[in-house]
């Protein structure tokens, strides 16, 4: 699978680094960086900001820090020939739900699937039937873990699926040695220490901050892994 990540700054750079480092060998990952300061007039075309060419890709991942770049998604999709798009909402200033819906509808008219998980670490294989999005979610998206215990403490954490930013891997490494009764709460604290890239601005749509929403995904992954461990031991 060929993946192209569109980034602008530090926000996207960490995703590129983690996905590139821990992707399956068969994946090809490339990135394109837009300048940080982009200003487009009401009647002005995107054309002068669009790249002349991009690596041919199956999956386009939008990690921009400017909603104007988000609006270029259909154009970028045409240039790289992508068949699917992931446009996570980790900050409404970068991409709002309303704009995401508009872009999704434009892409659907061209036969291209798009998902916009809020946040990136909520994405699962159930969110799309597209083969490229499903392939991506086998390895990256909503965290999924397997935990083994020794004398009531975390002995080992296996990553089944990790948050694309690398947060899950950080938490997994630092959970070792933590007592099982403290593991869920500690995972939430570690999630913030990495730190999480989602915004701390209160979001009316979910009634919480996106960072807290993201942290909940990590805590749920640890809780579910510990519950499975408990059931496994009792059998």
C-alpha atoms as a PDB file:
ATOM      1  CA  UNK A   1       0.000   0.000   0.000  1.00  0.00           C
ATOM      2  CA  UNK A   2       1.227   3.485  -0.899  1.00  0.00           C
ATOM      3  CA  UNK A   3       0.478   6.227   1.638  1.00  0.00           C
ATOM      4  CA  UNK A   4       0.969   9.975   1.294  1.00  0.00           C
ATOM      5  CA  UNK A   5       0.796  12.219   4.362  1.00  0.00           C
ATOM      6  CA  UNK A   6       0.169  15.939   3.909  1.00  0.00           C
ATOM      7  CA  UNK A   7       1.688  17.965   6.759  1.00  0.00           C
ATOM      8  CA  UNK A   8       2.581  21.553   7.684  1.00  0.00           C
ATOM      9  CA  UNK A   9       4.539  21.488  10.936  1.00  0.00           C
ATOM     10  CA  UNK A  10       5.335  19.593  14.136  1.00  0.00           C
ATOM     11  CA  UNK A  11       1.770  18.272  14.410  1.00  0.00           C
ATOM     12  CA  UNK A  12       2.043  16.185  11.260  1.00  0.00           C
ATOM     13  CA  UNK A  13       5.765  15.477  11.530  1.00  0.00           C
ATOM     14  CA  UNK A  14       5.327  13.171  14.514  1.00  0.00           C
ATOM     15  CA  UNK A  15       2.728  11.111  12.674  1.00  0.00           C
ATOM     16  CA  UNK A  16       5.056  10.749   9.698  1.00  0.00           C
ATOM     17  CA  UNK A  17       7.915   9.657  11.954  1.00  0.00           C
ATOM     18  CA  UNK A  18       5.908   7.036  13.850  1.00  0.00           C
ATOM     19  CA  UNK A  19       4.028   5.580  10.889  1.00  0.00           C
ATOM     20  CA  UNK A  20       7.206   5.379   8.815  1.00  0.00           C
ATOM     21  CA  UNK A  21       9.104   3.675  11.635  1.00  0.00           C
ATOM     22  CA  UNK A  22       6.480   1.083  12.581  1.00  0.00           C
ATOM     23  CA  UNK A  23       4.653   0.415   9.316  1.00  0.00           C
ATOM     24  CA  UNK A  24       4.638  -3.034   7.678  1.00  0.00           C
ATOM     25  CA  UNK A  25       7.589  -3.588   5.346  1.00  0.00           C
ATOM     26  CA  UNK A  26       5.281  -3.754   2.322  1.00  0.00           C
ATOM     27  CA  UNK A  27       3.950  -0.209   2.812  1.00  0.00           C
ATOM     28  CA  UNK A  28       5.455   2.776   1.009  1.00  0.00           C
ATOM     29  CA  UNK A  29       5.112   6.019   2.974  1.00  0.00           C
ATOM     30  CA  UNK A  30       5.826   9.496   1.602  1.00  0.00           C
ATOM     31  CA  UNK A  31       5.034  12.989   2.847  1.00  0.00           C
ATOM     32  CA  UNK A  32       4.579  16.465   1.425  1.00  0.00           C
ATOM     33  CA  UNK A  33       5.013  19.587   3.562  1.00  0.00           C
ATOM     34  CA  UNK A  34       3.036  22.769   2.958  1.00  0.00           C
ATOM     35  CA  UNK A  35       4.400  26.100   4.260  1.00  0.00           C
ATOM     36  CA  UNK A  36       3.040  27.165   7.646  1.00  0.00           C
ATOM     37  CA  UNK A  37       1.699  30.536   6.533  1.00  0.00           C
ATOM     38  CA  UNK A  38      -0.840  30.246   3.751  1.00  0.00           C
ATOM     39  CA  UNK A  39      -3.272  33.042   2.965  1.00  0.00           C
ATOM     40  CA  UNK A  40      -5.778  32.789   0.135  1.00  0.00           C
ATOM     41  CA  UNK A  41      -8.181  35.562  -0.863  1.00  0.00           C
ATOM     42  CA  UNK A  42     -11.907  34.919  -1.302  1.00  0.00           C
ATOM     43  CA  UNK A  43     -11.696  35.004  -5.097  1.00  0.00           C
ATOM     44  CA  UNK A  44      -8.202  33.536  -5.291  1.00  0.00           C
ATOM     45  CA  UNK A  45      -7.472  30.062  -6.658  1.00  0.00           C
ATOM     46  CA  UNK A  46      -5.588  27.340  -4.768  1.00  0.00           C
ATOM     47  CA  UNK A  47      -3.506  26.708  -7.865  1.00  0.00           C
ATOM     48  CA  UNK A  48      -0.374  28.605  -6.867  1.00  0.00           C
ATOM     49  CA  UNK A  49      -0.130  26.606  -3.638  1.00  0.00           C
ATOM     50  CA  UNK A  50      -0.742  23.178  -5.147  1.00  0.00           C
ATOM     51  CA  UNK A  51       2.290  20.982  -5.868  1.00  0.00           C
ATOM     52  CA  UNK A  52       2.999  20.239  -9.511  1.00  0.00           C
ATOM     53  CA  UNK A  53       3.293  16.545  -8.705  1.00  0.00           C
ATOM     54  CA  UNK A  54       2.974  14.123  -5.798  1.00  0.00           C
ATOM     55  CA  UNK A  55       3.923  10.464  -5.317  1.00  0.00           C
ATOM     56  CA  UNK A  56       1.211   8.191  -6.663  1.00  0.00           C
ATOM     57  CA  UNK A  57      -0.706   6.916  -3.638  1.00  0.00           C
ATOM     58  CA  UNK A  58      -3.516   4.604  -2.615  1.00  0.00           C
ATOM     59  CA  UNK A  59      -4.264   6.419   0.643  1.00  0.00           C
ATOM     60  CA  UNK A  60      -4.001  10.148   1.366  1.00  0.00           C
ATOM     61  CA  UNK A  61      -3.764  11.257   5.008  1.00  0.00           C
ATOM     62  CA  UNK A  62      -4.400  14.949   5.706  1.00  0.00           C
ATOM     63  CA  UNK A  63      -2.490  16.331   8.702  1.00  0.00           C
ATOM     64  CA  UNK A  64      -2.549  20.033   7.874  1.00  0.00           C
ATOM     65  CA  UNK A  65      -2.519  22.904  10.370  1.00  0.00           C
ATOM     66  CA  UNK A  66      -4.611  25.243   8.243  1.00  0.00           C
ATOM     67  CA  UNK A  67      -8.204  24.766   7.101  1.00  0.00           C
ATOM     68  CA  UNK A  68      -7.296  26.244   3.711  1.00  0.00           C
ATOM     69  CA  UNK A  69      -5.007  23.287   3.084  1.00  0.00           C
ATOM     70  CA  UNK A  70      -7.837  20.973   4.162  1.00  0.00           C
ATOM     71  CA  UNK A  71      -9.985  22.538   1.424  1.00  0.00           C
ATOM     72  CA  UNK A  72      -7.362  21.437  -1.106  1.00  0.00           C
ATOM     73  CA  UNK A  73      -7.995  17.756  -0.314  1.00  0.00           C
ATOM     74  CA  UNK A  74      -9.975  17.004  -3.520  1.00  0.00           C
ATOM     75  CA  UNK A  75      -7.252  18.696  -5.598  1.00  0.00           C
ATOM     76  CA  UNK A  76      -4.478  16.798  -3.829  1.00  0.00           C
ATOM     77  CA  UNK A  77      -6.380  13.555  -4.277  1.00  0.00           C
ATOM     78  CA  UNK A  78      -6.467  14.107  -8.032  1.00  0.00           C
ATOM     79  CA  UNK A  79      -2.746  14.854  -8.165  1.00  0.00           C
ATOM     80  CA  UNK A  80      -1.661  11.758  -6.215  1.00  0.00           C
ATOM     81  CA  UNK A  81      -4.418   9.506  -7.639  1.00  0.00           C
ATOM     82  CA  UNK A  82      -5.492   8.435  -4.130  1.00  0.00           C
ATOM     83  CA  UNK A  83      -8.440   6.079  -3.793  1.00  0.00           C
ATOM     84  CA  UNK A  84      -9.179   6.885  -0.149  1.00  0.00           C
ATOM     85  CA  UNK A  85      -8.624   9.714   2.340  1.00  0.00           C
ATOM     86  CA  UNK A  86      -8.216   9.869   6.111  1.00  0.00           C
ATOM     87  CA  UNK A  87      -8.657  13.404   7.481  1.00  0.00           C
ATOM     88  CA  UNK A  88      -8.574  13.225  11.288  1.00  0.00           C
ATOM     89  CA  UNK A  89     -10.045  15.984  13.426  1.00  0.00           C
ATOM     90  CA  UNK A  90      -7.599  16.602  16.268  1.00  0.00           C
ATOM     91  CA  UNK A  91      -8.115  20.346  16.258  1.00  0.00           C
ATOM     92  CA  UNK A  92     -11.208  22.110  14.900  1.00  0.00           C
ATOM     93  CA  UNK A  93      -9.007  25.053  13.852  1.00  0.00           C
ATOM     94  CA  UNK A  94      -7.271  22.691  11.421  1.00  0.00           C
ATOM     95  CA  UNK A  95     -10.431  20.942  10.229  1.00  0.00           C
ATOM     96  CA  UNK A  96     -13.995  21.439  11.446  1.00  0.00           C
ATOM     97  CA  UNK A  97     -16.685  18.767  11.291  1.00  0.00           C
ATOM     98  CA  UNK A  98     -18.705  20.886   8.858  1.00  0.00           C
ATOM     99  CA  UNK A  99     -15.801  21.337   6.463  1.00  0.00           C
ATOM    100  CA  UNK A 100     -14.955  17.645   6.733  1.00  0.00           C
ATOM    101  CA  UNK A 101     -18.501  16.731   5.669  1.00  0.00           C
ATOM    102  CA  UNK A 102     -18.295  19.089   2.684  1.00  0.00           C
ATOM    103  CA  UNK A 103     -14.988  17.591   1.555  1.00  0.00           C
ATOM    104  CA  UNK A 104     -16.310  14.061   2.050  1.00  0.00           C
ATOM    105  CA  UNK A 105     -19.314  14.799  -0.181  1.00  0.00           C
ATOM    106  CA  UNK A 106     -17.084  16.234  -2.912  1.00  0.00           C
ATOM    107  CA  UNK A 107     -14.874  13.164  -2.826  1.00  0.00           C
ATOM    108  CA  UNK A 108     -17.835  10.775  -2.820  1.00  0.00           C
ATOM    109  CA  UNK A 109     -19.060  12.332  -6.061  1.00  0.00           C
ATOM    110  CA  UNK A 110     -15.699  11.311  -7.530  1.00  0.00           C
ATOM    111  CA  UNK A 111     -15.954   7.792  -6.082  1.00  0.00           C
ATOM    112  CA  UNK A 112     -13.366   8.368  -3.348  1.00  0.00           C
ATOM    113  CA  UNK A 113     -13.982   7.266   0.241  1.00  0.00           C
ATOM    114  CA  UNK A 114     -13.091   9.623   3.099  1.00  0.00           C
ATOM    115  CA  UNK A 115     -13.275   9.205   6.865  1.00  0.00           C
ATOM    116  CA  UNK A 116     -12.687  11.951   9.426  1.00  0.00           C
ATOM    117  CA  UNK A 117     -12.223  10.346  12.857  1.00  0.00           C
ATOM    118  CA  UNK A 118     -12.414  12.618  15.874  1.00  0.00           C
ATOM    119  CA  UNK A 119      -9.638  12.057  17.019  1.00  0.00           C
ATOM    120  CA  UNK A 120      -7.214  10.044  14.794  1.00  0.00           C
ATOM    121  CA  UNK A 121      -6.878   7.477  17.605  1.00  0.00           C
ATOM    122  CA  UNK A 122     -10.600   6.616  17.440  1.00  0.00           C
ATOM    123  CA  UNK A 123     -10.306   5.158  13.930  1.00  0.00           C
ATOM    124  CA  UNK A 124     -11.185   1.455  13.583  1.00  0.00           C
ATOM    125  CA  UNK A 125     -11.765  -1.025  10.774  1.00  0.00           C
ATOM    126  CA  UNK A 126     -15.530  -0.555  11.270  1.00  0.00           C
ATOM    127  CA  UNK A 127     -15.385   3.055  10.068  1.00  0.00           C
ATOM    128  CA  UNK A 128     -15.007   2.179   6.391  1.00  0.00           C
ATOM    129  CA  UNK A 129     -15.322  -0.666   3.911  1.00  0.00           C
ATOM    130  CA  UNK A 130     -12.517   0.768   1.797  1.00  0.00           C
ATOM    131  CA  UNK A 131      -9.674  -1.742   1.524  1.00  0.00           C
ATOM    132  CA  UNK A 132      -6.936   0.855   2.001  1.00  0.00           C
ATOM    133  CA  UNK A 133      -8.487   2.418   5.091  1.00  0.00           C
ATOM    134  CA  UNK A 134      -9.113  -1.046   6.522  1.00  0.00           C
ATOM    135  CA  UNK A 135      -5.499  -2.027   5.869  1.00  0.00           C
ATOM    136  CA  UNK A 136      -4.294   1.096   7.673  1.00  0.00           C
ATOM    137  CA  UNK A 137      -6.487   0.360  10.710  1.00  0.00           C
ATOM    138  CA  UNK A 138      -4.936  -3.086  11.119  1.00  0.00           C
ATOM    139  CA  UNK A 139      -1.911  -1.297  12.554  1.00  0.00           C
ATOM    140  CA  UNK A 140      -2.859   2.305  13.381  1.00  0.00           C
ATOM    141  CA  UNK A 141      -5.943   3.924  14.880  1.00  0.00           C
ATOM    142  CA  UNK A 142      -7.795   3.188  18.109  1.00  0.00           C
ATOM    143  CA  UNK A 143      -5.279   1.625  20.531  1.00  0.00           C
ATOM    144  CA  UNK A 144      -5.543  -2.095  21.232  1.00  0.00           C
ATOM    145  CA  UNK A 145      -3.204  -3.872  23.642  1.00  0.00           C
ATOM    146  CA  UNK A 146      -2.433  -7.231  25.212  1.00  0.00           C
ATOM    147  CA  UNK A 147      -1.067  -7.125  28.760  1.00  0.00           C
ATOM    148  CA  UNK A 148       0.633  -9.868  30.751  1.00  0.00           C
ATOM    149  CA  UNK A 149       0.981  -9.645  34.532  1.00  0.00           C
ATOM    150  CA  UNK A 150       3.426 -10.994  37.068  1.00  0.00           C
ATOM    151  CA  UNK A 151       2.741 -10.691  40.791  1.00  0.00           C
ATOM    152  CA  UNK A 152      -0.110  -8.224  40.130  1.00  0.00           C
ATOM    153  CA  UNK A 153       2.144  -5.902  38.126  1.00  0.00           C
ATOM    154  CA  UNK A 154       2.401  -5.240  34.398  1.00  0.00           C
ATOM    155  CA  UNK A 155       5.143  -7.473  33.027  1.00  0.00           C
ATOM    156  CA  UNK A 156       4.725  -6.906  29.292  1.00  0.00           C
ATOM    157  CA  UNK A 157       2.556  -4.849  26.941  1.00  0.00           C
ATOM    158  CA  UNK A 158       2.032  -5.999  23.363  1.00  0.00           C
ATOM    159  CA  UNK A 159       0.771  -3.425  20.865  1.00  0.00           C
ATOM    160  CA  UNK A 160      -1.911  -4.841  18.594  1.00  0.00           C
ATOM    161  CA  UNK A 161      -2.878  -1.459  17.150  1.00  0.00           C
ATOM    162  CA  UNK A 162      -1.408   1.901  18.108  1.00  0.00           C
ATOM    163  CA  UNK A 163      -2.320   5.558  17.906  1.00  0.00           C
ATOM    164  CA  UNK A 164      -0.720   6.931  14.729  1.00  0.00           C
ATOM    165  CA  UNK A 165       1.165   9.641  16.659  1.00  0.00           C
ATOM    166  CA  UNK A 166       3.218   7.152  18.707  1.00  0.00           C
ATOM    167  CA  UNK A 167       1.491   7.871  22.012  1.00  0.00           C
ATOM    168  CA  UNK A 168       0.444   4.246  22.560  1.00  0.00           C
ATOM    169  CA  UNK A 169       4.025   3.029  22.253  1.00  0.00           C
ATOM    170  CA  UNK A 170       5.173   5.562  24.858  1.00  0.00           C
ATOM    171  CA  UNK A 171       2.444   4.474  27.276  1.00  0.00           C
ATOM    172  CA  UNK A 172       3.140   0.766  26.685  1.00  0.00           C
ATOM    173  CA  UNK A 173       6.817   1.184  27.510  1.00  0.00           C
ATOM    174  CA  UNK A 174       6.146   3.082  30.725  1.00  0.00           C
ATOM    175  CA  UNK A 175       3.375   0.807  32.013  1.00  0.00           C
ATOM    176  CA  UNK A 176       5.811  -2.015  32.764  1.00  0.00           C
ATOM    177  CA  UNK A 177       6.177  -2.414  36.527  1.00  0.00           C
ATOM    178  CA  UNK A 178       2.942  -0.568  37.360  1.00  0.00           C
ATOM    179  CA  UNK A 179       0.489  -2.371  39.664  1.00  0.00           C
ATOM    180  CA  UNK A 180      -2.598  -3.514  37.789  1.00  0.00           C
ATOM    181  CA  UNK A 181      -4.940  -1.484  40.000  1.00  0.00           C
ATOM    182  CA  UNK A 182      -3.103   1.711  39.013  1.00  0.00           C
ATOM    183  CA  UNK A 183      -2.476   0.888  35.354  1.00  0.00           C
ATOM    184  CA  UNK A 184      -5.590   2.494  33.837  1.00  0.00           C
ATOM    185  CA  UNK A 185      -5.223   5.784  35.695  1.00  0.00           C
ATOM    186  CA  UNK A 186      -1.473   5.910  35.076  1.00  0.00           C
ATOM    187  CA  UNK A 187      -1.978   5.292  31.363  1.00  0.00           C
ATOM    188  CA  UNK A 188      -4.130   8.422  31.190  1.00  0.00           C
ATOM    189  CA  UNK A 189      -1.405  10.498  32.839  1.00  0.00           C
ATOM    190  CA  UNK A 190       1.270   9.042  30.555  1.00  0.00           C
ATOM    191  CA  UNK A 191      -0.904   9.825  27.560  1.00  0.00           C
ATOM    192  CA  UNK A 192      -0.687  13.539  28.412  1.00  0.00           C
ATOM    193  CA  UNK A 193       3.051  13.347  29.108  1.00  0.00           C
ATOM    194  CA  UNK A 194       3.995  12.167  25.611  1.00  0.00           C
ATOM    195  CA  UNK A 195       2.277  14.666  24.944  1.00  0.00           C
ATOM    196  CA  UNK A 196      -0.988  14.158  23.081  1.00  0.00           C
ATOM    197  CA  UNK A 197      -1.306  16.319  19.964  1.00  0.00           C
ATOM    198  CA  UNK A 198      -5.077  16.873  20.182  1.00  0.00           C
ATOM    199  CA  UNK A 199      -6.369  20.248  21.324  1.00  0.00           C
ATOM    200  CA  UNK A 200      -7.321  21.109  24.905  1.00  0.00           C
ATOM    201  CA  UNK A 201     -10.091  23.430  23.702  1.00  0.00           C
ATOM    202  CA  UNK A 202     -13.555  22.401  24.908  1.00  0.00           C
ATOM    203  CA  UNK A 203     -15.530  20.866  22.056  1.00  0.00           C
ATOM    204  CA  UNK A 204     -19.310  21.351  22.101  1.00  0.00           C
ATOM    205  CA  UNK A 205     -19.861  18.407  19.760  1.00  0.00           C
ATOM    206  CA  UNK A 206     -18.536  15.835  22.248  1.00  0.00           C
ATOM    207  CA  UNK A 207     -18.835  17.849  25.473  1.00  0.00           C
ATOM    208  CA  UNK A 208     -15.150  17.439  26.305  1.00  0.00           C
ATOM    209  CA  UNK A 209     -11.736  18.423  25.010  1.00  0.00           C
ATOM    210  CA  UNK A 210     -10.346  16.367  22.139  1.00  0.00           C
ATOM    211  CA  UNK A 211      -7.240  15.666  24.225  1.00  0.00           C
ATOM    212  CA  UNK A 212      -9.331  14.118  27.003  1.00  0.00           C
ATOM    213  CA  UNK A 213     -11.325  12.224  24.392  1.00  0.00           C
ATOM    214  CA  UNK A 214      -8.066  10.867  22.991  1.00  0.00           C
ATOM    215  CA  UNK A 215      -6.812   9.982  26.470  1.00  0.00           C
ATOM    216  CA  UNK A 216      -9.967   7.964  27.049  1.00  0.00           C
ATOM    217  CA  UNK A 217      -9.047   5.751  24.076  1.00  0.00           C
ATOM    218  CA  UNK A 218      -5.749   4.904  25.773  1.00  0.00           C
ATOM    219  CA  UNK A 219      -7.374   4.211  29.136  1.00  0.00           C
ATOM    220  CA  UNK A 220     -10.020   1.996  27.506  1.00  0.00           C
ATOM    221  CA  UNK A 221      -7.313   0.019  25.702  1.00  0.00           C
ATOM    222  CA  UNK A 222      -5.515  -0.661  28.983  1.00  0.00           C
ATOM    223  CA  UNK A 223      -8.745  -1.461  30.813  1.00  0.00           C
ATOM    224  CA  UNK A 224      -9.870  -3.900  28.112  1.00  0.00           C
ATOM    225  CA  UNK A 225      -6.460  -5.579  28.045  1.00  0.00           C
ATOM    226  CA  UNK A 226      -6.502  -6.031  31.830  1.00  0.00           C
ATOM    227  CA  UNK A 227     -10.057  -7.410  31.745  1.00  0.00           C
ATOM    228  CA  UNK A 228      -9.025  -9.941  29.104  1.00  0.00           C
ATOM    229  CA  UNK A 229      -5.998 -10.854  31.205  1.00  0.00           C
ATOM    230  CA  UNK A 230      -8.271 -11.429  34.208  1.00  0.00           C
ATOM    231  CA  UNK A 231     -10.674 -13.635  32.222  1.00  0.00           C
ATOM    232  CA  UNK A 232      -7.774 -15.561  30.683  1.00  0.00           C
ATOM    233  CA  UNK A 233      -6.269 -16.306  34.111  1.00  0.00           C
ATOM    234  CA  UNK A 234      -9.572 -17.491  35.543  1.00  0.00           C
ATOM    235  CA  UNK A 235     -10.151 -20.091  32.797  1.00  0.00           C
END
